[in-house]
Protein backbone atom coordinates (compact mmCIF):
# COMPACT_ATOMS: atom_id res chain seq x y z
CA MET A 1 0.58 -9.60 10.43
CA PHE A 2 0.20 -12.46 8.02
CA SER A 3 -0.27 -12.85 4.28
CA LYS A 4 -0.25 -16.26 2.65
CA GLU A 5 -0.67 -14.65 -0.76
CA LYS A 6 2.57 -12.69 -0.34
CA ASN A 7 4.38 -15.55 1.43
CA PHE A 8 4.67 -13.46 4.59
CA PHE A 9 4.05 -15.71 7.55
CA GLY A 10 3.93 -13.15 10.30
CA GLY A 11 5.40 -12.71 13.74
CA HIS A 12 5.22 -15.17 16.62
CA GLY A 13 4.82 -14.52 20.33
CA ILE A 14 7.09 -17.36 21.43
CA VAL A 15 10.70 -16.16 21.49
CA GLY A 16 12.54 -18.04 18.75
CA GLY A 17 9.41 -19.92 17.65
CA GLN A 18 9.67 -18.59 14.11
CA ILE A 19 13.14 -20.11 13.66
CA GLY A 20 11.76 -23.64 13.55
CA ILE A 21 8.88 -22.54 11.33
CA GLY A 22 11.24 -20.84 8.89
CA THR A 23 13.43 -23.93 8.79
CA GLY A 24 10.42 -26.08 7.94
CA MET A 25 9.30 -23.66 5.21
CA ALA A 26 12.76 -23.74 3.62
CA TYR A 27 12.70 -27.54 3.74
CA ALA A 28 9.37 -27.47 1.91
CA GLN A 29 10.86 -25.19 -0.75
CA LYS A 30 13.69 -27.65 -1.34
CA TYR A 31 11.21 -30.55 -1.41
CA ARG A 32 9.13 -28.79 -4.08
CA GLU A 33 12.31 -27.98 -6.04
CA ASP A 34 11.31 -24.37 -6.62
CA ASP A 35 13.57 -21.29 -6.76
CA ASP A 36 12.44 -19.74 -3.49
CA VAL A 37 14.39 -19.12 -0.30
CA THR A 38 13.16 -18.37 3.22
CA LEU A 39 14.19 -15.27 5.17
CA CYS A 40 13.75 -15.88 8.90
CA PHE A 41 14.07 -12.84 11.19
CA PHE A 42 14.69 -12.87 14.96
CA GLY A 43 16.40 -10.83 17.65
CA GLU A 44 19.64 -11.60 19.45
CA ALA A 45 17.76 -12.82 22.55
CA ALA A 46 16.25 -15.66 20.49
CA VAL A 47 19.74 -17.02 19.81
CA ASN A 48 19.84 -18.35 23.39
CA GLN A 49 16.86 -20.59 22.70
CA GLY A 50 17.50 -24.24 21.95
CA ILE A 51 15.49 -24.16 18.73
CA PHE A 52 18.06 -21.81 17.18
CA HIS A 53 20.81 -24.41 17.51
CA GLU A 54 18.57 -27.33 16.55
CA SER A 55 17.39 -25.50 13.43
CA LEU A 56 20.86 -24.48 12.25
CA ASN A 57 22.09 -28.03 12.70
CA MET A 58 19.24 -29.43 10.59
CA ALA A 59 19.51 -26.67 7.99
CA GLN A 60 23.13 -27.51 7.22
CA LEU A 61 22.58 -31.26 7.55
CA TRP A 62 19.70 -31.23 5.08
CA LYS A 63 21.14 -28.42 2.90
CA ILE A 64 18.11 -26.14 2.86
CA PRO A 65 17.85 -22.56 1.49
CA CYS A 66 17.09 -20.74 4.74
CA ILE A 67 18.59 -17.33 5.51
CA TYR A 68 18.64 -16.72 9.25
CA ILE A 69 18.70 -12.98 9.93
CA CYS A 70 19.52 -11.94 13.48
CA GLU A 71 18.60 -8.32 14.14
CA ASN A 72 21.02 -7.61 16.97
CA ASN A 73 19.95 -4.39 18.69
CA ARG A 74 21.99 -5.08 21.85
CA TYR A 75 18.98 -5.41 24.17
CA GLY A 76 16.25 -8.01 24.61
CA MET A 77 13.13 -7.03 26.54
CA GLY A 78 15.39 -5.00 28.82
CA THR A 79 18.51 -7.07 29.34
CA SER A 80 21.70 -6.17 27.52
CA GLN A 81 23.36 -8.79 25.38
CA ALA A 82 26.47 -8.49 27.53
CA ARG A 83 24.59 -9.82 30.57
CA ALA A 84 22.77 -12.62 28.76
CA MET A 85 25.21 -14.09 26.24
CA SER A 86 28.65 -15.55 26.85
CA THR A 87 29.88 -14.52 23.41
CA ARG A 88 28.64 -11.44 21.58
CA ASN A 89 29.67 -12.49 18.07
CA ILE A 90 26.45 -14.14 16.93
CA ALA A 91 27.52 -14.67 13.33
CA LYS A 92 30.39 -16.89 14.51
CA LYS A 93 27.91 -19.26 16.17
CA ALA A 94 27.07 -20.57 12.69
CA GLU A 95 30.58 -21.97 12.36
CA SER A 96 29.69 -24.67 14.88
CA TYR A 97 27.42 -26.11 12.20
CA GLY A 98 29.55 -25.33 9.14
CA ILE A 99 27.13 -22.63 7.99
CA ALA A 100 28.18 -19.57 5.99
CA ASN A 101 27.89 -16.45 8.11
CA GLU A 102 28.43 -12.74 7.86
CA PHE A 103 28.45 -9.71 10.13
CA VAL A 104 26.50 -6.81 8.63
CA ASP A 105 26.27 -3.15 9.61
CA GLY A 106 22.53 -2.99 10.11
CA MET A 107 22.62 0.81 10.08
CA ASP A 108 23.73 0.77 6.43
CA VAL A 109 20.79 0.06 4.09
CA MET A 110 22.95 -0.90 1.12
CA ALA A 111 25.20 -3.16 3.19
CA VAL A 112 22.10 -5.04 4.36
CA ARG A 113 20.84 -5.34 0.78
CA GLN A 114 24.16 -6.62 -0.56
CA ALA A 115 24.67 -9.19 2.21
CA THR A 116 21.12 -10.46 1.73
CA GLU A 117 21.63 -10.77 -2.02
CA ARG A 118 24.75 -12.86 -1.45
CA ALA A 119 22.87 -15.15 0.92
CA ILE A 120 19.95 -15.47 -1.50
CA GLU A 121 22.32 -16.44 -4.31
CA ARG A 122 23.90 -19.09 -2.09
CA GLY A 123 20.48 -20.45 -1.19
CA ARG A 124 19.29 -20.64 -4.78
CA LYS A 125 22.47 -21.93 -6.42
CA GLU A 126 23.74 -24.26 -3.71
CA SER A 127 20.66 -24.84 -1.52
CA LEU A 128 22.65 -23.80 1.55
CA PRO A 129 21.69 -21.80 4.64
CA THR A 130 23.30 -18.56 5.83
CA LEU A 131 23.35 -16.73 9.17
CA LEU A 132 23.48 -12.94 8.92
CA GLU A 133 24.06 -10.89 12.06
CA MET A 134 22.78 -7.38 11.44
CA ARG A 135 23.66 -5.00 14.23
CA ALA A 136 21.10 -2.20 14.32
CA TYR A 137 20.45 -0.18 17.46
CA ARG A 138 16.91 0.14 18.85
CA PHE A 139 16.16 3.81 19.58
CA MET A 140 12.82 3.27 21.32
CA GLY A 141 11.66 0.94 24.06
CA HIS A 142 10.88 -2.68 23.30
CA SER A 143 7.16 -1.90 23.48
CA MET A 144 4.80 0.89 24.54
CA SER A 145 5.22 -0.23 28.16
CA ASP A 146 9.02 -0.08 28.02
CA PRO A 147 10.52 3.27 29.12
CA GLY A 148 14.00 2.01 28.23
CA LYS A 149 15.62 3.10 31.49
CA TYR A 150 18.21 0.33 31.28
CA ARG A 151 20.39 2.55 29.06
CA THR A 152 21.53 6.15 29.18
CA PRO A 153 20.30 9.04 27.00
CA GLU A 154 23.92 9.57 25.98
CA GLU A 155 24.14 6.05 24.58
CA ILE A 156 20.98 6.54 22.52
CA LYS A 157 22.20 9.89 21.14
CA THR A 158 25.47 8.29 20.07
CA PHE A 159 23.68 5.74 17.93
CA GLN A 160 21.16 8.27 16.60
CA THR A 161 24.01 9.89 14.70
CA ARG A 162 23.91 6.78 12.49
CA ASP A 163 20.15 6.58 11.94
CA PRO A 164 19.90 4.32 8.84
CA ILE A 165 16.99 6.27 7.34
CA VAL A 166 18.83 9.58 7.64
CA LEU A 167 22.09 8.13 6.30
CA PHE A 168 20.33 6.49 3.34
CA ARG A 169 18.46 9.68 2.53
CA GLU A 170 21.71 11.68 2.58
CA SER A 171 23.43 9.18 0.30
CA LEU A 172 20.55 9.29 -2.21
CA VAL A 173 20.51 13.09 -2.25
CA GLU A 174 24.29 13.23 -2.63
CA ALA A 175 24.12 10.77 -5.55
CA GLY A 176 21.39 12.80 -7.22
CA VAL A 177 18.88 9.97 -7.04
CA ILE A 178 16.35 11.99 -5.08
CA SER A 179 15.91 15.56 -3.87
CA ASP A 180 15.00 16.78 -0.39
CA GLU A 181 11.61 17.88 -1.74
CA GLU A 182 10.91 14.44 -3.22
CA PHE A 183 11.86 12.76 0.02
CA GLU A 184 9.51 15.02 1.96
CA LEU A 185 6.68 14.03 -0.40
CA ILE A 186 7.42 10.35 0.24
CA GLU A 187 7.32 10.96 4.00
CA LYS A 188 4.03 12.85 3.67
CA ARG A 189 2.43 10.03 1.64
CA ALA A 190 3.54 7.52 4.27
CA ALA A 191 2.22 9.68 7.12
CA ASP A 192 -1.12 10.20 5.34
CA LYS A 193 -1.47 6.47 4.67
CA THR A 194 -0.76 5.71 8.32
CA ALA A 195 -3.25 8.32 9.50
CA ASP A 196 -5.92 6.85 7.19
CA ALA A 197 -5.27 3.37 8.59
CA VAL A 198 -5.51 4.62 12.18
CA GLU A 199 -8.75 6.46 11.42
CA PHE A 200 -10.21 3.36 9.75
CA ALA A 201 -9.28 1.21 12.76
CA GLU A 202 -10.68 3.66 15.31
CA ASN A 203 -13.95 4.07 13.41
CA SER A 204 -14.47 0.37 12.71
CA PRO A 205 -16.82 -1.66 14.93
CA PHE A 206 -15.45 -4.38 17.18
CA PRO A 207 -15.71 -7.84 15.64
CA ASP A 208 -18.37 -10.25 16.82
CA GLU A 209 -17.44 -12.44 19.78
CA SER A 210 -17.67 -15.52 17.57
CA GLU A 211 -14.53 -14.34 15.76
CA LEU A 212 -12.53 -15.40 18.83
CA PHE A 213 -12.61 -18.92 17.44
CA THR A 214 -11.86 -18.05 13.81
CA GLY A 215 -8.68 -19.67 12.53
CA ILE A 216 -8.08 -21.72 15.67
CA TYR A 217 -8.75 -25.10 14.10
CA ALA A 218 -8.21 -26.33 10.53
CA ASP A 219 -11.34 -26.95 8.50
């Protein structure tokens, strides 16, 4: 997924590769002296890559408005964080570089929003980076080929009691912002839109073989 028009620069297959790219984009924003900030997302497994530490060091050294968001779901491809990382407090790693950091309950939608807003304000007003560690459990496997047998059903059920979508829905209903019926309509619209996209994809012809080389080289 990629959209230059919406400033969404997609995902990257190399673990941690987007961290360096995000750092460079934030540097460009500071160079242009605009009001933008960069939000760079990655999982906890990417923190063990060298580019994470190199990027944070440069971000603080050069004072760039990059918000590093670590989505810590406790497992990489299939290895628990406990078996792959000497310290589990990822947010604290930012202190090695003098970077503002914050632990966030990733299962709480509003907590995520508020922490992100604080980081954005810091980036815009002070041109400083932030590291946010958002702990949000992954209910499904890492991919379609991942049965997730490295954890117990009991563990998954424990975290499902704090499903962020369910909790947010309940809070909105309780506050009178939305009704159960309105929420069901939203879910139906989303399901219909997804079904239409799947049908379009399945009924579309395969691209021509020449498209294999599209976008490989700059014009």
